[in-house]
Amino acid sequence: MGRGMKFAESDVKKYAVHKNFKIYQPEKIKQNEEFIKEIKELNPDVICVVAYR
């Protein structure tokens, strides 16, 4: 964020945290068996993946 290039939460994440939504932010998904298991147990109808730099 800004010229200092410091990490900052987006407004969307701030809103989700405020509304007590579960947020998943694994460093990597590939070969992350714990994360994959947790998502499978949730059995979601829809998954939204957002990535940017």
PDB file of N, CA and C in Angstrom:
ATOM      1  N   MET A   1       0.847  -1.183   0.000  1.00  0.00           N
ATOM      2  CA  MET A   1       0.000   0.000   0.000  1.00  0.00           C
ATOM      3  C   MET A   1       0.880   1.230   0.000  1.00  0.00           C
ATOM      4  N   GLY A   2       0.576   2.150  -0.843  1.00  0.00           N
ATOM      5  CA  GLY A   2       1.308   3.410  -0.874  1.00  0.00           C
ATOM      6  C   GLY A   2       2.740   3.252  -1.334  1.00  0.00           C
ATOM      7  N   ARG A   3       3.506   4.281  -1.181  1.00  0.00           N
ATOM      8  CA  ARG A   3       4.894   4.262  -1.640  1.00  0.00           C
ATOM      9  C   ARG A   3       5.763   3.338  -0.815  1.00  0.00           C
ATOM     10  N   GLY A   4       5.387   3.101   0.431  1.00  0.00           N
ATOM     11  CA  GLY A   4       6.158   2.208   1.279  1.00  0.00           C
ATOM     12  C   GLY A   4       5.958   0.739   0.942  1.00  0.00           C
ATOM     13  N   MET A   5       4.982   0.458   0.049  1.00  0.00           N
ATOM     14  CA  MET A   5       4.674  -0.914  -0.374  1.00  0.00           C
ATOM     15  C   MET A   5       4.440  -1.835   0.822  1.00  0.00           C
ATOM     16  N   LYS A   6       3.764  -1.323   1.840  1.00  0.00           N
ATOM     17  CA  LYS A   6       3.446  -2.121   3.021  1.00  0.00           C
ATOM     18  C   LYS A   6       2.133  -2.852   2.807  1.00  0.00           C
ATOM     19  N   PHE A   7       2.044  -4.053   3.379  1.00  0.00           N
ATOM     20  CA  PHE A   7       0.817  -4.815   3.268  1.00  0.00           C
ATOM     21  C   PHE A   7      -0.279  -4.159   4.107  1.00  0.00           C
ATOM     22  N   ALA A   8      -1.477  -4.142   3.543  1.00  0.00           N
ATOM     23  CA  ALA A   8      -2.625  -3.596   4.256  1.00  0.00           C
ATOM     24  C   ALA A   8      -3.859  -4.397   3.861  1.00  0.00           C
ATOM     25  N   GLU A   9      -4.769  -4.577   4.779  1.00  0.00           N
ATOM     26  CA  GLU A   9      -6.016  -5.270   4.486  1.00  0.00           C
ATOM     27  C   GLU A   9      -6.853  -4.429   3.535  1.00  0.00           C
ATOM     28  N   SER A  10      -7.485  -5.118   2.587  1.00  0.00           N
ATOM     29  CA  SER A  10      -8.395  -4.424   1.685  1.00  0.00           C
ATOM     30  C   SER A  10      -9.674  -4.078   2.432  1.00  0.00           C
ATOM     31  N   ASP A  11     -10.443  -3.178   1.869  1.00  0.00           N
ATOM     32  CA  ASP A  11     -11.725  -2.819   2.476  1.00  0.00           C
ATOM     33  C   ASP A  11     -12.670  -4.023   2.509  1.00  0.00           C
ATOM     34  N   VAL A  12     -12.566  -4.871   1.497  1.00  0.00           N
ATOM     35  CA  VAL A  12     -13.411  -6.070   1.446  1.00  0.00           C
ATOM     36  C   VAL A  12     -13.074  -6.999   2.613  1.00  0.00           C
ATOM     37  N   LYS A  13     -11.782  -7.200   2.869  1.00  0.00           N
ATOM     38  CA  LYS A  13     -11.395  -8.061   3.984  1.00  0.00           C
ATOM     39  C   LYS A  13     -11.814  -7.442   5.314  1.00  0.00           C
ATOM     40  N   LYS A  14     -11.651  -6.150   5.465  1.00  0.00           N
ATOM     41  CA  LYS A  14     -12.069  -5.486   6.701  1.00  0.00           C
ATOM     42  C   LYS A  14     -13.558  -5.703   6.947  1.00  0.00           C
ATOM     43  N   TYR A  15     -14.358  -5.599   5.885  1.00  0.00           N
ATOM     44  CA  TYR A  15     -15.800  -5.809   5.993  1.00  0.00           C
ATOM     45  C   TYR A  15     -16.099  -7.261   6.395  1.00  0.00           C
ATOM     46  N   ALA A  16     -15.411  -8.214   5.737  1.00  0.00           N
ATOM     47  CA  ALA A  16     -15.629  -9.627   6.028  1.00  0.00           C
ATOM     48  C   ALA A  16     -15.266  -9.952   7.471  1.00  0.00           C
ATOM     49  N   VAL A  17     -14.172  -9.405   7.952  1.00  0.00           N
ATOM     50  CA  VAL A  17     -13.763  -9.625   9.339  1.00  0.00           C
ATOM     51  C   VAL A  17     -14.797  -9.023  10.284  1.00  0.00           C
ATOM     52  N   HIS A  18     -15.259  -7.835   9.961  1.00  0.00           N
ATOM     53  CA  HIS A  18     -16.276  -7.166  10.781  1.00  0.00           C
ATOM     54  C   HIS A  18     -17.557  -8.001  10.871  1.00  0.00           C
ATOM     55  N   LYS A  19     -17.908  -8.680   9.771  1.00  0.00           N
ATOM     56  CA  LYS A  19     -19.117  -9.509   9.732  1.00  0.00           C
ATOM     57  C   LYS A  19     -18.857 -10.951  10.186  1.00  0.00           C
ATOM     58  N   ASN A  20     -17.646 -11.202  10.700  1.00  0.00           N
ATOM     59  CA  ASN A  20     -17.265 -12.515  11.218  1.00  0.00           C
ATOM     60  C   ASN A  20     -17.296 -13.623  10.170  1.00  0.00           C
ATOM     61  N   PHE A  21     -16.953 -13.292   8.930  1.00  0.00           N
ATOM     62  CA  PHE A  21     -16.831 -14.303   7.884  1.00  0.00           C
ATOM     63  C   PHE A  21     -15.520 -15.049   8.088  1.00  0.00           C
ATOM     64  N   LYS A  22     -15.527 -16.326   7.787  1.00  0.00           N
ATOM     65  CA  LYS A  22     -14.305 -17.120   7.853  1.00  0.00           C
ATOM     66  C   LYS A  22     -13.435 -16.753   6.645  1.00  0.00           C
ATOM     67  N   ILE A  23     -12.189 -16.417   6.905  1.00  0.00           N
ATOM     68  CA  ILE A  23     -11.269 -15.995   5.844  1.00  0.00           C
ATOM     69  C   ILE A  23     -10.146 -17.025   5.758  1.00  0.00           C
ATOM     70  N   TYR A  24      -9.872 -17.480   4.557  1.00  0.00           N
ATOM     71  CA  TYR A  24      -8.779 -18.416   4.329  1.00  0.00           C
ATOM     72  C   TYR A  24      -7.718 -17.709   3.500  1.00  0.00           C
ATOM     73  N   GLN A  25      -6.503 -17.675   3.991  1.00  0.00           N
ATOM     74  CA  GLN A  25      -5.412 -17.044   3.271  1.00  0.00           C
ATOM     75  C   GLN A  25      -4.145 -17.900   3.368  1.00  0.00           C
ATOM     76  N   PRO A  26      -4.206 -19.107   2.801  1.00  0.00           N
ATOM     77  CA  PRO A  26      -3.003 -19.940   2.866  1.00  0.00           C
ATOM     78  C   PRO A  26      -1.907 -19.354   1.986  1.00  0.00           C
ATOM     79  N   GLU A  27      -0.678 -19.529   2.416  1.00  0.00           N
ATOM     80  CA  GLU A  27       0.462 -19.062   1.621  1.00  0.00           C
ATOM     81  C   GLU A  27       0.467 -19.760   0.264  1.00  0.00           C
ATOM     82  N   LYS A  28       0.225 -21.074   0.302  1.00  0.00           N
ATOM     83  CA  LYS A  28       0.134 -21.875  -0.917  1.00  0.00           C
ATOM     84  C   LYS A  28      -0.991 -22.881  -0.748  1.00  0.00           C
ATOM     85  N   ILE A  29      -1.630 -23.228  -1.852  1.00  0.00           N
ATOM     86  CA  ILE A  29      -2.697 -24.226  -1.811  1.00  0.00           C
ATOM     87  C   ILE A  29      -2.158 -25.578  -2.252  1.00  0.00           C
ATOM     88  N   LYS A  30      -1.293 -25.554  -3.241  1.00  0.00           N
ATOM     89  CA  LYS A  30      -0.731 -26.790  -3.772  1.00  0.00           C
ATOM     90  C   LYS A  30       0.000 -27.551  -2.667  1.00  0.00           C
ATOM     91  N   GLN A  31      -0.351 -28.800  -2.517  1.00  0.00           N
ATOM     92  CA  GLN A  31       0.237 -29.702  -1.525  1.00  0.00           C
ATOM     93  C   GLN A  31      -0.021 -29.242  -0.077  1.00  0.00           C
ATOM     94  N   ASN A  32      -1.042 -28.444   0.144  1.00  0.00           N
ATOM     95  CA  ASN A  32      -1.433 -28.017   1.488  1.00  0.00           C
ATOM     96  C   ASN A  32      -2.620 -28.892   1.901  1.00  0.00           C
ATOM     97  N   GLU A  33      -2.315 -30.111   2.344  1.00  0.00           N
ATOM     98  CA  GLU A  33      -3.353 -31.101   2.635  1.00  0.00           C
ATOM     99  C   GLU A  33      -4.338 -30.633   3.704  1.00  0.00           C
ATOM    100  N   GLU A  34      -3.867 -29.917   4.703  1.00  0.00           N
ATOM    101  CA  GLU A  34      -4.749 -29.435   5.768  1.00  0.00           C
ATOM    102  C   GLU A  34      -5.799 -28.468   5.216  1.00  0.00           C
ATOM    103  N   PHE A  35      -5.369 -27.548   4.370  1.00  0.00           N
ATOM    104  CA  PHE A  35      -6.292 -26.584   3.764  1.00  0.00           C
ATOM    105  C   PHE A  35      -7.278 -27.293   2.838  1.00  0.00           C
ATOM    106  N   ILE A  36      -6.776 -28.196   2.007  1.00  0.00           N
ATOM    107  CA  ILE A  36      -7.631 -28.920   1.064  1.00  0.00           C
ATOM    108  C   ILE A  36      -8.681 -29.732   1.818  1.00  0.00           C
ATOM    109  N   LYS A  37      -8.281 -30.385   2.902  1.00  0.00           N
ATOM    110  CA  LYS A  37      -9.213 -31.170   3.715  1.00  0.00           C
ATOM    111  C   LYS A  37     -10.305 -30.276   4.302  1.00  0.00           C
ATOM    112  N   GLU A  38      -9.905 -29.111   4.818  1.00  0.00           N
ATOM    113  CA  GLU A  38     -10.880 -28.202   5.421  1.00  0.00           C
ATOM    114  C   GLU A  38     -11.902 -27.716   4.394  1.00  0.00           C
ATOM    115  N   ILE A  39     -11.445 -27.390   3.198  1.00  0.00           N
ATOM    116  CA  ILE A  39     -12.363 -26.941   2.143  1.00  0.00           C
ATOM    117  C   ILE A  39     -13.300 -28.079   1.739  1.00  0.00           C
ATOM    118  N   LYS A  40     -12.766 -29.281   1.601  1.00  0.00           N
ATOM    119  CA  LYS A  40     -13.613 -30.427   1.247  1.00  0.00           C
ATOM    120  C   LYS A  40     -14.678 -30.684   2.307  1.00  0.00           C
ATOM    121  N   GLU A  41     -14.327 -30.524   3.576  1.00  0.00           N
ATOM    122  CA  GLU A  41     -15.290 -30.732   4.657  1.00  0.00           C
ATOM    123  C   GLU A  41     -16.400 -29.685   4.625  1.00  0.00           C
ATOM    124  N   LEU A  42     -16.085 -28.489   4.170  1.00  0.00           N
ATOM    125  CA  LEU A  42     -17.110 -27.447   4.064  1.00  0.00           C
ATOM    126  C   LEU A  42     -18.118 -27.764   2.955  1.00  0.00           C
ATOM    127  N   ASN A  43     -17.664 -28.509   1.940  1.00  0.00           N
ATOM    128  CA  ASN A  43     -18.505 -28.871   0.807  1.00  0.00           C
ATOM    129  C   ASN A  43     -19.226 -27.639   0.229  1.00  0.00           C
ATOM    130  N   PRO A  44     -18.483 -26.610  -0.165  1.00  0.00           N
ATOM    131  CA  PRO A  44     -19.113 -25.381  -0.640  1.00  0.00           C
ATOM    132  C   PRO A  44     -19.757 -25.545  -2.014  1.00  0.00           C
ATOM    133  N   ASP A  45     -20.797 -24.777  -2.269  1.00  0.00           N
ATOM    134  CA  ASP A  45     -21.423 -24.736  -3.589  1.00  0.00           C
ATOM    135  C   ASP A  45     -20.599 -23.870  -4.539  1.00  0.00           C
ATOM    136  N   VAL A  46     -19.957 -22.852  -3.974  1.00  0.00           N
ATOM    137  CA  VAL A  46     -19.183 -21.908  -4.777  1.00  0.00           C
ATOM    138  C   VAL A  46     -17.906 -21.556  -4.024  1.00  0.00           C
ATOM    139  N   ILE A  47     -16.819 -21.404  -4.769  1.00  0.00           N
ATOM    140  CA  ILE A  47     -15.564 -20.941  -4.208  1.00  0.00           C
ATOM    141  C   ILE A  47     -15.093 -19.762  -5.057  1.00  0.00           C
ATOM    142  N   CYS A  48     -14.727 -18.693  -4.388  1.00  0.00           N
ATOM    143  CA  CYS A  48     -14.215 -17.508  -5.074  1.00  0.00           C
ATOM    144  C   CYS A  48     -12.734 -17.372  -4.721  1.00  0.00           C
ATOM    145  N   VAL A  49     -11.908 -17.328  -5.748  1.00  0.00           N
ATOM    146  CA  VAL A  49     -10.481 -17.184  -5.549  1.00  0.00           C
ATOM    147  C   VAL A  49     -10.045 -15.855  -6.146  1.00  0.00           C
ATOM    148  N   VAL A  50      -9.367 -15.058  -5.335  1.00  0.00           N
ATOM    149  CA  VAL A  50      -8.905 -13.747  -5.805  1.00  0.00           C
ATOM    150  C   VAL A  50      -7.413 -13.651  -5.503  1.00  0.00           C
ATOM    151  N   ALA A  51      -6.662 -13.272  -6.493  1.00  0.00           N
ATOM    152  CA  ALA A  51      -5.226 -13.104  -6.301  1.00  0.00           C
ATOM    153  C   ALA A  51      -4.766 -11.877  -7.076  1.00  0.00           C
ATOM    154  N   TYR A  52      -3.923 -11.111  -6.446  1.00  0.00           N
ATOM    155  CA  TYR A  52      -3.353  -9.932  -7.096  1.00  0.00           C
ATOM    156  C   TYR A  52      -2.099  -9.543  -6.375  1.00  0.00           C
ATOM    157  N   ARG A  53      -1.315  -8.736  -6.996  1.00  0.00           N
ATOM    158  CA  ARG A  53      -0.093  -8.258  -6.372  1.00  0.00           C
ATOM    159  C   ARG A  53      -0.009  -6.780  -6.498  1.00  0.00           C
TER     160      ARG A  53
END
